[in-house]
Amino acid sequence: MDLELSEEQRLITETVRKFVRDEIVPLEADLDPDASELQPADHDRLVAKVKTMGFYGLDIPPEYGGPEIDIVTRTLMAIEMSQHRAGLYTPCYGVFGGAGLAQLFEANDDQKERYLYPTLRGEKHGFFGLTEPSGGSDPARAIQTTAVKDGDDWVINGAKIFISGADRADYGIVFARTDASRGRAGITCFIVDTDAPGFHVRRIVHTLRSTSYATELQFEDLRVPAANVLGEVNGGFAIANDRLSRQRIPYSAACISVAVKAQEMSIAYAKQRETFGDVLASRQAIQWMIVDNEIDIRTSRWLTVAAADKANRNEPFRTEAAMAKLVSTEAGGRVVDRAMQIHGGYGMTKDLPLERWYREIRIRRIGEGPSEVQRIIMARDLIGGSFH
């Protein structure tokens, strides 16, 4: 792999960096420190600008109207897009658009007409329903939600938890057990309409994420037509697994973003803050923190880009994605923590974005599979076999 950016990649990353610096960061000065949305007028203005730049619809395949951007370049863009206060979970406040539920690109023509195309037009919104009260790290065994065939329908009963956006969604992708005897080979993926009888959603308590609720779902004799089976019956685990592996790459990139910004802030502050007659940057303790930050950032960056490169070449990348996710989330947390220490009391205030990053990056060690699961994934790939 060539570690140097191509001229095109350099131009794209510089363009995105400038966009964040000139368009996003100034708007945040007038927003609540925990805000996750822009004013509608600002949002629409920036969407129009992104479309003019040719970057709107990131992660949408070109044949569906998205930009022609390879996975490595997309990862480099993601590292730039999250370098602002709300960037960890709402990069550029969504003005670059996105693919929504990427699994729908594998839907049949009828499902695309009813769900994919309205989603791409912004007319419908969906949710991803995998995690259950019994656990989310091992869906092959943890899924207790059942779907039983009844005529031309499937009847779903069960529950999901920690589901983002389900209270505002028109539909969702829900995984249910359709064959109790087959483990991961007995899970099916369904497209579920949220206005169907038997679908219940409620917000649960705030998580560490700013201004964000998770939701809990209940399915009570929810009837789903057979036409809403996504993929093959009993083939749902592969759909979930592919999504999780691919999502870990941009997920990792966002953690690198806030670490990069926290490092920049720390160096600038250490150069101007004086204690005991000299600047903080002259203190060995501070120098070592900054060096450790840089090691964490560079390690995370190259592991994440390496995972993107393997995915881009259509080679197996599950281990690389797991390693990138593990390292970037844990290293990013260390960088933000050190940055807060360097800033002292100011690092604890909402005047700076550090305290928000500190809260939100802690979630990243759990989301998209906790650190322990990433180690299990890598161990299985490295040693071979499936261990209990």
Protein backbone atom coordinates (compact mmCIF):
# COMPACT_ATOMS: atom_id res chain seq x y z
CA MET A 1 0.00 0.00 0.00
CA ASP A 2 1.26 3.45 -0.93
CA LEU A 3 1.26 5.48 2.29
CA GLU A 4 1.29 8.78 0.40
CA LEU A 5 -1.97 10.38 -0.64
CA SER A 6 -2.60 10.74 -4.33
CA GLU A 7 -3.00 14.26 -5.69
CA GLU A 8 -6.75 13.69 -5.93
CA GLN A 9 -6.97 12.44 -2.35
CA ARG A 10 -4.93 15.40 -1.14
CA LEU A 11 -7.24 17.83 -2.92
CA ILE A 12 -10.38 16.14 -1.58
CA THR A 13 -9.17 16.05 2.02
CA GLU A 14 -8.04 19.67 1.89
CA THR A 15 -11.43 20.67 0.48
CA VAL A 16 -13.30 18.85 3.26
CA ARG A 17 -10.96 20.28 5.91
CA LYS A 18 -11.60 23.80 4.64
CA PHE A 19 -15.37 23.16 4.58
CA VAL A 20 -15.35 22.08 8.22
CA ARG A 21 -13.16 25.01 9.26
CA ASP A 22 -15.03 27.71 7.32
CA GLU A 23 -18.62 26.46 7.36
CA ILE A 24 -19.23 24.10 10.28
CA VAL A 25 -17.08 25.38 13.14
CA PRO A 26 -18.31 29.01 12.94
CA LEU A 27 -21.94 27.85 13.16
CA GLU A 28 -21.19 25.85 16.30
CA ALA A 29 -20.23 29.04 18.12
CA ASP A 30 -23.94 29.96 18.24
CA LEU A 31 -25.29 26.47 18.96
CA ASP A 32 -25.88 24.79 22.30
CA PRO A 33 -22.71 22.80 23.18
CA ASP A 34 -24.75 19.60 23.04
CA ALA A 35 -26.61 20.39 19.81
CA SER A 36 -26.82 17.72 17.13
CA GLU A 37 -28.69 19.67 14.45
CA LEU A 38 -28.21 22.88 12.50
CA GLN A 39 -30.89 25.46 11.91
CA PRO A 40 -32.91 24.36 8.83
CA ALA A 41 -31.77 27.34 6.75
CA ASP A 42 -28.11 26.64 7.50
CA HIS A 43 -28.55 22.94 6.83
CA ASP A 44 -30.20 23.53 3.45
CA ARG A 45 -27.58 26.09 2.45
CA LEU A 46 -24.72 23.72 3.23
CA VAL A 47 -26.40 20.77 1.50
CA ALA A 48 -26.63 22.89 -1.64
CA LYS A 49 -22.93 23.75 -1.30
CA VAL A 50 -21.94 20.10 -0.85
CA LYS A 51 -23.94 19.17 -3.94
CA THR A 52 -22.07 21.83 -5.89
CA MET A 53 -18.81 20.31 -4.62
CA GLY A 54 -19.93 16.92 -5.98
CA PHE A 55 -19.74 15.13 -2.62
CA TYR A 56 -23.41 14.78 -1.71
CA GLY A 57 -24.70 11.27 -1.04
CA LEU A 58 -21.58 9.73 0.46
CA ASP A 59 -21.77 5.92 0.70
CA ILE A 60 -24.46 5.79 -1.99
CA PRO A 61 -23.18 3.70 -4.93
CA PRO A 62 -22.62 5.74 -8.11
CA GLU A 63 -25.31 3.77 -9.95
CA TYR A 64 -27.82 5.17 -7.45
CA GLY A 65 -26.59 8.74 -7.75
CA GLY A 66 -23.74 8.86 -5.25
CA PRO A 67 -20.25 10.23 -5.96
CA GLU A 68 -17.56 7.93 -7.37
CA ILE A 69 -15.29 7.73 -4.32
CA ASP A 70 -13.27 4.66 -3.31
CA ILE A 71 -13.31 3.34 0.24
CA VAL A 72 -9.83 4.62 1.14
CA THR A 73 -10.64 8.16 -0.01
CA ARG A 74 -13.99 7.96 1.81
CA THR A 75 -12.12 7.00 4.99
CA LEU A 76 -9.74 9.94 4.59
CA MET A 77 -12.76 12.20 4.17
CA ALA A 78 -14.33 10.77 7.32
CA ILE A 79 -11.20 11.63 9.30
CA GLU A 80 -11.65 15.27 8.24
CA MET A 81 -15.44 15.49 8.54
CA SER A 82 -15.66 14.82 12.27
CA GLN A 83 -13.15 17.42 13.45
CA HIS A 84 -15.71 19.62 15.19
CA ARG A 85 -17.72 19.59 18.40
CA ALA A 86 -20.62 17.41 17.21
CA GLY A 87 -18.53 15.45 14.74
CA LEU A 88 -18.25 12.14 16.53
CA TYR A 89 -21.89 11.21 15.98
CA THR A 90 -23.14 13.84 13.53
CA PRO A 91 -20.26 14.55 11.13
CA CYS A 92 -20.90 17.94 9.49
CA TYR A 93 -24.46 17.64 10.83
CA GLY A 94 -25.38 15.31 7.97
CA VAL A 95 -25.03 17.86 5.17
CA PHE A 96 -22.99 15.40 3.08
CA GLY A 97 -25.99 13.06 2.96
CA GLY A 98 -25.59 9.31 3.24
CA ALA A 99 -26.80 5.89 2.20
CA GLY A 100 -29.05 5.26 5.18
CA LEU A 101 -29.53 1.52 5.60
CA ALA A 102 -26.98 0.14 3.16
CA GLN A 103 -28.56 -3.32 3.27
CA LEU A 104 -31.37 -1.98 1.07
CA PHE A 105 -29.03 -1.85 -1.91
CA GLU A 106 -29.30 -5.66 -1.85
CA ALA A 107 -33.11 -5.56 -1.77
CA ASN A 108 -35.25 -6.83 -4.62
CA ASP A 109 -36.80 -4.41 -7.11
CA ASP A 110 -40.13 -4.19 -5.29
CA GLN A 111 -38.45 -3.47 -1.95
CA LYS A 112 -36.25 -0.84 -3.56
CA GLU A 113 -39.31 0.95 -4.94
CA ARG A 114 -41.06 0.89 -1.56
CA TYR A 115 -38.11 1.63 0.74
CA LEU A 116 -34.72 2.34 -0.88
CA TYR A 117 -35.67 5.03 -3.39
CA PRO A 118 -37.94 6.97 -0.96
CA THR A 119 -35.08 6.85 1.55
CA LEU A 120 -32.58 8.22 -0.95
CA ARG A 121 -35.04 11.01 -1.78
CA GLY A 122 -35.36 11.86 1.92
CA GLU A 123 -39.02 10.83 2.01
CA LYS A 124 -38.58 7.91 4.40
CA HIS A 125 -36.26 7.13 7.30
CA GLY A 126 -35.33 3.75 8.71
CA PHE A 127 -33.67 2.13 11.72
CA PHE A 128 -31.43 -0.90 12.25
CA GLY A 129 -32.83 -3.34 14.82
CA LEU A 130 -30.38 -6.00 16.00
CA THR A 131 -29.56 -5.60 19.72
CA GLU A 132 -31.87 -7.25 22.24
CA PRO A 133 -32.25 -7.08 26.05
CA SER A 134 -30.56 -10.49 26.15
CA GLY A 135 -27.44 -9.03 24.52
CA GLY A 136 -26.12 -7.56 21.31
CA SER A 137 -22.54 -8.79 21.03
CA ASP A 138 -23.48 -12.34 20.05
CA PRO A 139 -26.56 -12.10 17.84
CA ALA A 140 -26.21 -15.71 16.73
CA ARG A 141 -27.20 -16.78 20.23
CA ALA A 142 -28.72 -13.67 21.83
CA ILE A 143 -31.62 -13.08 19.44
CA GLN A 144 -34.81 -14.25 21.10
CA THR A 145 -37.24 -12.30 18.92
CA THR A 146 -39.08 -14.89 16.84
CA ALA A 147 -40.81 -14.86 13.47
CA VAL A 148 -43.26 -17.64 12.65
CA LYS A 149 -44.72 -18.20 9.18
CA ASP A 150 -48.51 -17.85 9.02
CA GLY A 151 -49.92 -18.06 5.51
CA ASP A 152 -48.41 -15.27 3.43
CA ASP A 153 -47.18 -13.42 6.52
CA TRP A 154 -44.59 -13.77 9.22
CA VAL A 155 -45.68 -13.05 12.81
CA ILE A 156 -42.99 -11.39 14.91
CA ASN A 157 -42.84 -11.34 18.72
CA GLY A 158 -40.01 -10.05 20.89
CA ALA A 159 -38.04 -6.94 21.78
CA LYS A 160 -35.08 -4.80 20.77
CA ILE A 161 -33.17 -2.22 22.80
CA PHE A 162 -30.67 0.64 22.29
CA ILE A 163 -32.06 1.27 18.80
CA SER A 164 -31.29 4.71 17.37
CA GLY A 165 -33.98 6.72 15.61
CA ALA A 166 -36.79 4.17 15.74
CA ASP A 167 -39.20 6.70 17.26
CA ARG A 168 -38.84 8.89 14.15
CA ALA A 169 -38.59 6.14 11.53
CA ASP A 170 -41.06 4.99 8.90
CA TYR A 171 -39.65 1.49 8.75
CA GLY A 172 -36.81 -0.59 10.11
CA ILE A 173 -34.65 -3.60 9.37
CA VAL A 174 -35.34 -6.15 12.10
CA PHE A 175 -33.58 -9.46 12.72
CA ALA A 176 -35.61 -12.35 14.13
CA ARG A 177 -35.09 -16.04 14.74
CA THR A 178 -36.93 -18.20 12.23
CA ASP A 179 -35.29 -21.54 13.02
CA ALA A 180 -34.36 -22.19 16.65
CA SER A 181 -32.27 -25.25 15.79
CA ARG A 182 -29.77 -23.57 13.46
CA GLY A 183 -28.03 -20.83 15.50
CA ARG A 184 -26.74 -18.07 13.22
CA ALA A 185 -28.13 -19.96 10.23
CA GLY A 186 -31.65 -19.55 11.61
CA ILE A 187 -31.93 -15.74 11.61
CA THR A 188 -33.93 -13.79 9.02
CA CYS A 189 -33.95 -10.08 8.19
CA PHE A 190 -37.32 -8.33 7.81
CA ILE A 191 -38.35 -4.85 6.68
CA VAL A 192 -40.91 -3.71 9.23
CA ASP A 193 -43.27 -0.72 8.89
CA THR A 194 -43.50 1.29 12.10
CA ASP A 195 -47.21 1.98 11.60
CA ALA A 196 -48.08 -1.72 11.56
CA PRO A 197 -50.29 -3.04 14.39
CA GLY A 198 -48.16 -4.68 17.06
CA PHE A 199 -45.16 -2.36 16.65
CA HIS A 200 -44.41 -0.42 19.84
CA VAL A 201 -41.55 2.01 20.46
CA ARG A 202 -40.59 4.12 23.44
CA ARG A 203 -37.65 6.28 24.30
CA ILE A 204 -35.43 5.09 27.12
CA VAL A 205 -33.16 7.22 29.27
CA HIS A 206 -30.51 9.49 27.83
CA THR A 207 -27.20 7.83 27.13
CA LEU A 208 -23.83 9.57 27.36
CA ARG A 209 -24.46 10.93 23.88
CA SER A 210 -25.52 14.55 23.85
CA THR A 211 -29.21 15.23 23.10
CA SER A 212 -29.70 11.64 21.99
CA TYR A 213 -32.23 9.03 23.03
CA ALA A 214 -32.04 5.34 22.42
CA THR A 215 -35.30 3.46 22.00
CA GLU A 216 -36.79 0.17 23.06
CA LEU A 217 -39.00 -1.81 20.69
CA GLN A 218 -41.73 -4.35 21.41
CA PHE A 219 -43.28 -6.61 18.78
CA GLU A 220 -46.63 -8.15 19.70
CA ASP A 221 -48.01 -10.43 17.00
CA LEU A 222 -46.63 -8.02 14.41
CA ARG A 223 -47.56 -9.30 10.96
CA VAL A 224 -45.01 -8.75 8.19
CA PRO A 225 -45.76 -9.85 4.61
CA ALA A 226 -43.43 -12.41 3.07
CA ALA A 227 -42.59 -9.74 0.47
CA ASN A 228 -40.75 -7.88 3.23
CA VAL A 229 -38.15 -10.56 3.86
CA LEU A 230 -34.80 -8.95 3.01
CA GLY A 231 -32.53 -11.50 1.37
CA GLU A 232 -33.13 -15.18 2.02
CA VAL A 233 -35.07 -16.79 4.84
CA ASN A 234 -32.50 -17.84 7.48
CA GLY A 235 -29.87 -15.71 5.73
CA GLY A 236 -30.13 -12.66 7.97
CA PHE A 237 -26.94 -13.17 9.96
CA ALA A 238 -24.76 -12.60 6.90
CA ILE A 239 -26.56 -9.31 6.26
CA ALA A 240 -25.95 -8.15 9.84
CA ASN A 241 -22.34 -9.35 9.90
CA ASP A 242 -21.36 -7.65 6.63
CA ARG A 243 -22.89 -4.37 7.76
CA LEU A 244 -21.08 -4.44 11.09
CA SER A 245 -17.69 -5.21 9.53
CA ARG A 246 -17.95 -2.43 6.95
CA GLN A 247 -19.32 0.11 9.41
CA ARG A 248 -16.32 -0.33 11.69
CA ILE A 249 -14.06 1.49 9.21
CA PRO A 250 -15.81 4.92 9.14
CA TYR A 251 -16.64 4.38 12.83
CA SER A 252 -12.91 4.19 13.53
CA ALA A 253 -12.18 7.20 11.32
CA ALA A 254 -14.48 9.43 13.38
CA CYS A 255 -12.56 8.53 16.56
CA ILE A 256 -9.33 9.55 14.84
CA SER A 257 -10.94 12.87 13.90
CA VAL A 258 -11.63 14.06 17.41
CA ALA A 259 -8.24 12.77 18.57
CA VAL A 260 -6.52 14.84 15.85
CA LYS A 261 -8.44 17.94 16.89
CA ALA A 262 -7.81 17.36 20.59
CA GLN A 263 -4.09 17.03 19.84
CA GLU A 264 -4.05 20.28 17.86
CA MET A 265 -5.81 22.05 20.73
CA SER A 266 -3.38 20.60 23.28
CA ILE A 267 -0.27 21.70 21.40
CA ALA A 268 -1.63 25.22 20.87
CA TYR A 269 -2.65 25.55 24.51
CA ALA A 270 0.63 24.13 25.83
CA LYS A 271 2.57 26.71 23.84
CA GLN A 272 0.72 29.69 25.30
CA ARG A 273 -0.27 28.62 28.84
CA GLU A 274 2.33 29.63 31.45
CA THR A 275 2.92 28.00 34.84
CA PHE A 276 5.74 28.70 37.29
CA GLY A 277 7.41 31.10 34.89
CA ASP A 278 7.39 29.05 31.68
CA VAL A 279 4.95 27.61 29.16
CA LEU A 280 3.44 24.16 29.63
CA ALA A 281 5.15 22.97 26.45
CA SER A 282 8.51 23.18 28.23
CA ARG A 283 7.42 20.59 30.83
CA GLN A 284 8.53 17.04 30.13
CA ALA A 285 5.27 15.64 31.54
CA ILE A 286 3.29 17.62 28.94
CA GLN A 287 5.72 16.76 26.14
CA TRP A 288 5.31 13.08 26.83
CA MET A 289 1.51 13.38 26.82
CA ILE A 290 1.66 15.04 23.41
CA VAL A 291 4.05 12.39 22.07
CA ASP A 292 1.82 9.59 23.38
CA ASN A 293 -1.14 11.30 21.72
CA GLU A 294 0.67 11.36 18.40
CA ILE A 295 1.61 7.67 18.64
CA ASP A 296 -2.03 6.78 19.36
CA ILE A 297 -3.28 8.91 16.46
CA ARG A 298 -0.82 7.60 13.89
CA THR A 299 -1.32 3.98 14.91
CA SER A 300 -5.09 4.35 14.67
CA ARG A 301 -4.89 6.15 11.35
CA TRP A 302 -2.75 3.59 9.57
CA LEU A 303 -4.68 0.61 10.91
CA THR A 304 -7.93 2.21 9.72
CA VAL A 305 -6.57 3.13 6.29
CA ALA A 306 -5.11 -0.39 5.96
CA ALA A 307 -8.56 -1.89 6.66
CA ALA A 308 -10.11 0.43 4.08
CA ASP A 309 -7.44 -0.55 1.55
CA LYS A 310 -8.16 -4.26 1.93
CA ALA A 311 -11.90 -3.66 1.65
CA ASN A 312 -11.27 -1.52 -1.42
CA ARG A 313 -9.39 -4.42 -3.05
CA ASN A 314 -12.21 -6.85 -2.19
CA GLU A 315 -9.93 -8.86 0.08
CA PRO A 316 -11.01 -10.28 3.46
CA PHE A 317 -10.82 -7.39 5.93
CA ARG A 318 -12.73 -8.53 9.01
CA THR A 319 -9.62 -8.76 11.21
CA GLU A 320 -8.30 -5.41 9.97
CA ALA A 321 -11.65 -3.70 10.59
CA ALA A 322 -11.88 -5.19 14.08
CA MET A 323 -8.32 -4.10 14.87
CA ALA A 324 -8.97 -0.58 13.58
CA LYS A 325 -12.13 -0.32 15.65
CA LEU A 326 -10.47 -1.64 18.80
CA VAL A 327 -7.38 0.57 18.57
CA SER A 328 -9.04 3.79 17.39
CA THR A 329 -11.77 3.78 20.03
CA GLU A 330 -9.44 3.02 22.92
CA ALA A 331 -6.62 5.27 21.67
CA GLY A 332 -9.03 8.10 20.90
CA GLY A 333 -10.31 7.96 24.45
CA ARG A 334 -6.76 8.21 25.80
CA VAL A 335 -5.97 11.20 23.56
CA VAL A 336 -9.06 13.13 24.65
CA ASP A 337 -8.36 12.29 28.29
CA ARG A 338 -4.80 13.59 28.05
CA ALA A 339 -6.01 16.69 26.24
CA MET A 340 -8.38 17.44 29.11
CA GLN A 341 -5.52 17.00 31.57
CA ILE A 342 -3.34 19.41 29.61
CA HIS A 343 -6.12 22.01 29.54
CA GLY A 344 -6.72 21.69 33.26
CA GLY A 345 -9.93 23.30 34.48
CA TYR A 346 -10.75 24.67 31.05
CA GLY A 347 -10.88 21.13 29.72
CA MET A 348 -13.85 20.40 31.98
CA THR A 349 -15.97 23.28 30.68
CA LYS A 350 -18.50 23.33 27.86
CA ASP A 351 -16.61 26.27 26.36
CA LEU A 352 -14.38 23.62 24.76
CA PRO A 353 -15.54 20.49 22.92
CA LEU A 354 -13.32 18.17 24.97
CA GLU A 355 -15.88 17.25 27.62
CA ARG A 356 -18.43 16.31 24.95
CA TRP A 357 -15.87 14.18 23.12
CA TYR A 358 -14.87 12.59 26.45
CA ARG A 359 -18.47 11.47 27.08
CA GLU A 360 -19.24 10.38 23.56
CA ILE A 361 -16.01 8.58 22.74
CA ARG A 362 -16.55 6.33 25.75
CA ILE A 363 -19.56 4.89 23.96
CA ARG A 364 -17.41 3.94 20.98
CA ARG A 365 -15.77 1.13 22.95
CA ILE A 366 -19.25 -0.44 23.19
CA GLY A 367 -20.99 0.54 19.93
CA GLU A 368 -20.54 -1.57 16.78
CA GLY A 369 -19.26 -4.40 19.00
CA PRO A 370 -17.34 -3.85 22.25
CA SER A 371 -13.56 -4.09 22.49
CA GLU A 372 -13.76 -7.60 23.89
CA VAL A 373 -15.75 -8.82 20.87
CA GLN A 374 -13.22 -7.28 18.49
CA ARG A 375 -10.53 -9.34 20.20
CA ILE A 376 -12.67 -12.48 19.85
CA ILE A 377 -13.14 -11.78 16.12
CA MET A 378 -9.41 -11.37 15.59
CA ALA A 379 -8.58 -14.45 17.66
CA ARG A 380 -10.93 -16.60 15.59
CA ASP A 381 -9.43 -15.32 12.35
CA LEU A 382 -5.86 -15.73 13.54
CA ILE A 383 -6.18 -19.12 15.26
CA GLY A 384 -8.99 -20.59 13.19
CA GLY A 385 -12.15 -22.33 14.27
CA SER A 386 -14.97 -21.11 16.49
CA PHE A 387 -14.38 -21.14 20.24
CA HIS A 388 -16.93 -20.86 22.98
